[in-house]
Amino acid sequence: MKIDTERIDEAVLALLVLGLHDGNRAWKSFDWDALSRLHRLGYISDPATSNKSVVLSQEGLHRAHELLNRLFGNAG
C-alpha cells in the first residue's frame, strides 16, 4: 500500500493541538519523519533536539486548528 504522507502530516499536525501546553508547545510523540516534514514546512520547531516537545509557529497553530476541525470535527 502506498502511503499519502501529506495526509499523514495533516493528521499529525491536527493531533498536535490535543497535546498543547504552555501556549503553543506540544509533545513530540509522533512519527519522526512526519515531524521532520512539518518542521521543513515551518509549522513546528526542529524536533531533533533533546526537548520533549516542539513549538508550533503561528502559521502551524492556525493550520493545526483548521485541520483538527476539518478532519475530526463533529458537525452535529
N, C-alpha and C. Protein backbone atom coordinates (compact mmCIF):
# COMPACT_ATOMS: atom_id res chain seq x y z
N MET A 1 0.84 -1.17 0.00
CA MET A 1 0.00 0.00 0.00
C MET A 1 0.89 1.24 0.00
N LYS A 2 0.57 2.19 -0.86
CA LYS A 2 1.30 3.45 -0.91
C LYS A 2 0.66 4.41 0.10
N ILE A 3 1.48 5.01 0.94
CA ILE A 3 1.01 5.92 1.98
C ILE A 3 1.06 7.36 1.47
N ASP A 4 -0.01 8.10 1.67
CA ASP A 4 -0.08 9.52 1.32
C ASP A 4 0.50 10.31 2.49
N THR A 5 1.79 10.64 2.42
CA THR A 5 2.46 11.30 3.54
C THR A 5 1.89 12.69 3.81
N GLU A 6 1.36 13.35 2.80
CA GLU A 6 0.75 14.67 3.03
C GLU A 6 -0.47 14.55 3.94
N ARG A 7 -1.28 13.53 3.74
CA ARG A 7 -2.45 13.32 4.60
C ARG A 7 -2.01 12.92 6.01
N ILE A 8 -0.96 12.12 6.11
CA ILE A 8 -0.41 11.75 7.42
C ILE A 8 0.05 13.00 8.15
N ASP A 9 0.79 13.86 7.44
CA ASP A 9 1.29 15.09 8.05
C ASP A 9 0.15 15.98 8.52
N GLU A 10 -0.92 16.07 7.74
CA GLU A 10 -2.08 16.87 8.14
C GLU A 10 -2.70 16.33 9.42
N ALA A 11 -2.83 15.00 9.50
CA ALA A 11 -3.41 14.39 10.70
C ALA A 11 -2.51 14.61 11.91
N VAL A 12 -1.20 14.45 11.75
CA VAL A 12 -0.27 14.66 12.86
C VAL A 12 -0.33 16.10 13.34
N LEU A 13 -0.33 17.06 12.39
CA LEU A 13 -0.40 18.46 12.78
C LEU A 13 -1.70 18.74 13.53
N ALA A 14 -2.81 18.20 13.06
CA ALA A 14 -4.09 18.39 13.74
C ALA A 14 -4.05 17.79 15.14
N LEU A 15 -3.48 16.61 15.29
CA LEU A 15 -3.45 15.94 16.58
C LEU A 15 -2.48 16.60 17.57
N LEU A 16 -1.49 17.33 17.07
CA LEU A 16 -0.58 18.05 17.97
C LEU A 16 -1.37 19.04 18.84
N VAL A 17 -2.47 19.57 18.32
CA VAL A 17 -3.30 20.51 19.08
C VAL A 17 -3.80 19.87 20.37
N LEU A 18 -4.07 18.59 20.35
CA LEU A 18 -4.62 17.91 21.52
C LEU A 18 -3.63 17.84 22.67
N GLY A 19 -2.34 17.95 22.37
CA GLY A 19 -1.32 17.89 23.40
C GLY A 19 -0.69 19.23 23.72
N LEU A 20 -1.35 20.32 23.34
CA LEU A 20 -0.78 21.64 23.59
C LEU A 20 -0.65 21.94 25.08
N HIS A 21 0.43 22.61 25.43
CA HIS A 21 0.65 23.09 26.79
C HIS A 21 1.54 24.31 26.71
N ASP A 22 1.56 25.11 27.73
CA ASP A 22 2.38 26.33 27.75
C ASP A 22 2.17 27.17 26.49
N GLY A 23 0.94 27.33 26.09
CA GLY A 23 0.62 28.16 24.93
C GLY A 23 0.65 27.40 23.62
N ASN A 24 1.85 27.25 23.04
CA ASN A 24 1.93 26.62 21.73
C ASN A 24 2.97 25.49 21.67
N ARG A 25 3.21 24.84 22.80
CA ARG A 25 4.12 23.68 22.83
C ARG A 25 3.28 22.40 22.79
N ALA A 26 3.81 21.39 22.11
CA ALA A 26 3.11 20.11 22.02
C ALA A 26 4.12 18.97 22.16
N TRP A 27 3.70 17.91 22.81
CA TRP A 27 4.57 16.74 22.98
C TRP A 27 4.87 16.15 21.62
N LYS A 28 6.12 15.74 21.40
CA LYS A 28 6.53 15.21 20.10
C LYS A 28 6.53 13.68 20.11
N SER A 29 5.37 13.13 20.30
CA SER A 29 5.24 11.67 20.39
C SER A 29 4.64 11.08 19.10
N PHE A 30 5.02 11.66 17.97
CA PHE A 30 4.51 11.19 16.69
C PHE A 30 5.68 10.72 15.82
N ASP A 31 5.35 10.16 14.69
CA ASP A 31 6.33 9.67 13.73
C ASP A 31 7.38 10.74 13.43
N TRP A 32 8.65 10.37 13.55
CA TRP A 32 9.75 11.32 13.36
C TRP A 32 9.81 11.87 11.95
N ASP A 33 9.51 11.05 10.95
CA ASP A 33 9.53 11.52 9.57
C ASP A 33 8.46 12.59 9.35
N ALA A 34 7.27 12.36 9.92
CA ALA A 34 6.19 13.35 9.79
C ALA A 34 6.57 14.64 10.51
N LEU A 35 7.15 14.53 11.70
CA LEU A 35 7.57 15.74 12.43
C LEU A 35 8.64 16.50 11.64
N SER A 36 9.55 15.80 11.02
CA SER A 36 10.59 16.46 10.21
C SER A 36 9.97 17.19 9.02
N ARG A 37 9.00 16.57 8.38
CA ARG A 37 8.33 17.24 7.25
C ARG A 37 7.59 18.48 7.72
N LEU A 38 6.91 18.40 8.87
CA LEU A 38 6.20 19.57 9.40
C LEU A 38 7.18 20.68 9.75
N HIS A 39 8.36 20.32 10.23
CA HIS A 39 9.40 21.32 10.52
C HIS A 39 9.85 21.99 9.22
N ARG A 40 10.08 21.20 8.17
CA ARG A 40 10.51 21.77 6.89
C ARG A 40 9.45 22.72 6.32
N LEU A 41 8.18 22.48 6.62
CA LEU A 41 7.10 23.37 6.16
C LEU A 41 6.98 24.62 7.03
N GLY A 42 7.70 24.66 8.15
CA GLY A 42 7.67 25.83 9.02
C GLY A 42 6.56 25.82 10.05
N TYR A 43 5.89 24.67 10.23
CA TYR A 43 4.78 24.59 11.17
C TYR A 43 5.22 24.36 12.60
N ILE A 44 6.38 23.69 12.79
CA ILE A 44 6.86 23.39 14.14
C ILE A 44 8.37 23.64 14.22
N SER A 45 8.85 23.76 15.45
CA SER A 45 10.29 23.89 15.67
C SER A 45 10.97 22.57 15.36
N ASP A 46 12.28 22.60 15.30
CA ASP A 46 13.06 21.41 14.96
C ASP A 46 12.82 20.30 16.00
N PRO A 47 12.29 19.15 15.57
CA PRO A 47 12.03 18.07 16.51
C PRO A 47 13.30 17.31 16.93
N ALA A 48 14.40 17.52 16.23
CA ALA A 48 15.64 16.78 16.51
C ALA A 48 16.46 17.48 17.58
N THR A 49 15.85 17.67 18.73
CA THR A 49 16.54 18.26 19.88
C THR A 49 16.27 17.37 21.09
N SER A 50 16.88 17.71 22.20
CA SER A 50 16.65 16.93 23.42
C SER A 50 15.35 17.32 24.12
N ASN A 51 14.69 18.37 23.64
CA ASN A 51 13.39 18.76 24.22
C ASN A 51 12.36 17.66 23.97
N LYS A 52 11.42 17.53 24.89
CA LYS A 52 10.38 16.52 24.74
C LYS A 52 9.16 17.05 24.03
N SER A 53 9.22 18.33 23.63
CA SER A 53 8.10 18.92 22.92
C SER A 53 8.62 19.80 21.79
N VAL A 54 7.72 20.16 20.89
CA VAL A 54 8.03 21.08 19.80
C VAL A 54 7.15 22.32 19.97
N VAL A 55 7.56 23.42 19.37
CA VAL A 55 6.79 24.66 19.41
C VAL A 55 6.13 24.85 18.06
N LEU A 56 4.82 25.09 18.08
CA LEU A 56 4.11 25.36 16.84
C LEU A 56 4.25 26.84 16.50
N SER A 57 4.56 27.13 15.24
CA SER A 57 4.61 28.51 14.79
C SER A 57 3.18 29.05 14.75
N GLN A 58 3.03 30.35 14.59
CA GLN A 58 1.67 30.92 14.49
C GLN A 58 0.94 30.30 13.32
N GLU A 59 1.62 30.16 12.17
CA GLU A 59 1.02 29.54 11.00
C GLU A 59 0.67 28.08 11.29
N GLY A 60 1.57 27.37 11.97
CA GLY A 60 1.33 25.97 12.31
C GLY A 60 0.15 25.80 13.25
N LEU A 61 0.05 26.70 14.22
CA LEU A 61 -1.05 26.64 15.17
C LEU A 61 -2.39 26.88 14.47
N HIS A 62 -2.42 27.88 13.60
CA HIS A 62 -3.65 28.17 12.84
C HIS A 62 -4.03 26.99 11.95
N ARG A 63 -3.05 26.46 11.22
CA ARG A 63 -3.31 25.34 10.32
C ARG A 63 -3.72 24.09 11.10
N ALA A 64 -3.11 23.87 12.26
CA ALA A 64 -3.45 22.70 13.08
C ALA A 64 -4.91 22.76 13.54
N HIS A 65 -5.35 23.91 14.00
CA HIS A 65 -6.75 24.05 14.42
C HIS A 65 -7.70 23.86 13.24
N GLU A 66 -7.34 24.41 12.11
CA GLU A 66 -8.13 24.25 10.89
C GLU A 66 -8.26 22.78 10.51
N LEU A 67 -7.15 22.06 10.55
CA LEU A 67 -7.15 20.64 10.19
C LEU A 67 -7.90 19.80 11.22
N LEU A 68 -7.75 20.12 12.49
CA LEU A 68 -8.46 19.37 13.53
C LEU A 68 -9.96 19.45 13.29
N ASN A 69 -10.44 20.64 12.97
CA ASN A 69 -11.86 20.82 12.71
C ASN A 69 -12.28 20.08 11.44
N ARG A 70 -11.48 20.19 10.37
CA ARG A 70 -11.84 19.55 9.10
C ARG A 70 -11.77 18.04 9.19
N LEU A 71 -10.74 17.50 9.81
CA LEU A 71 -10.54 16.05 9.84
C LEU A 71 -11.35 15.35 10.92
N PHE A 72 -11.53 16.01 12.06
CA PHE A 72 -12.12 15.32 13.20
C PHE A 72 -13.31 16.03 13.83
N GLY A 73 -13.70 17.19 13.26
CA GLY A 73 -14.82 17.95 13.84
C GLY A 73 -16.14 17.22 13.67
N ASN A 74 -17.04 17.52 14.57
CA ASN A 74 -18.36 16.92 14.55
C ASN A 74 -19.37 18.00 14.20
N ALA A 75 -19.98 17.88 13.04
CA ALA A 75 -20.94 18.88 12.59
C ALA A 75 -22.25 18.81 13.36
N GLY A 76 -22.46 17.76 14.13
CA GLY A 76 -23.72 17.58 14.83
C GLY A 76 -23.66 18.14 16.15
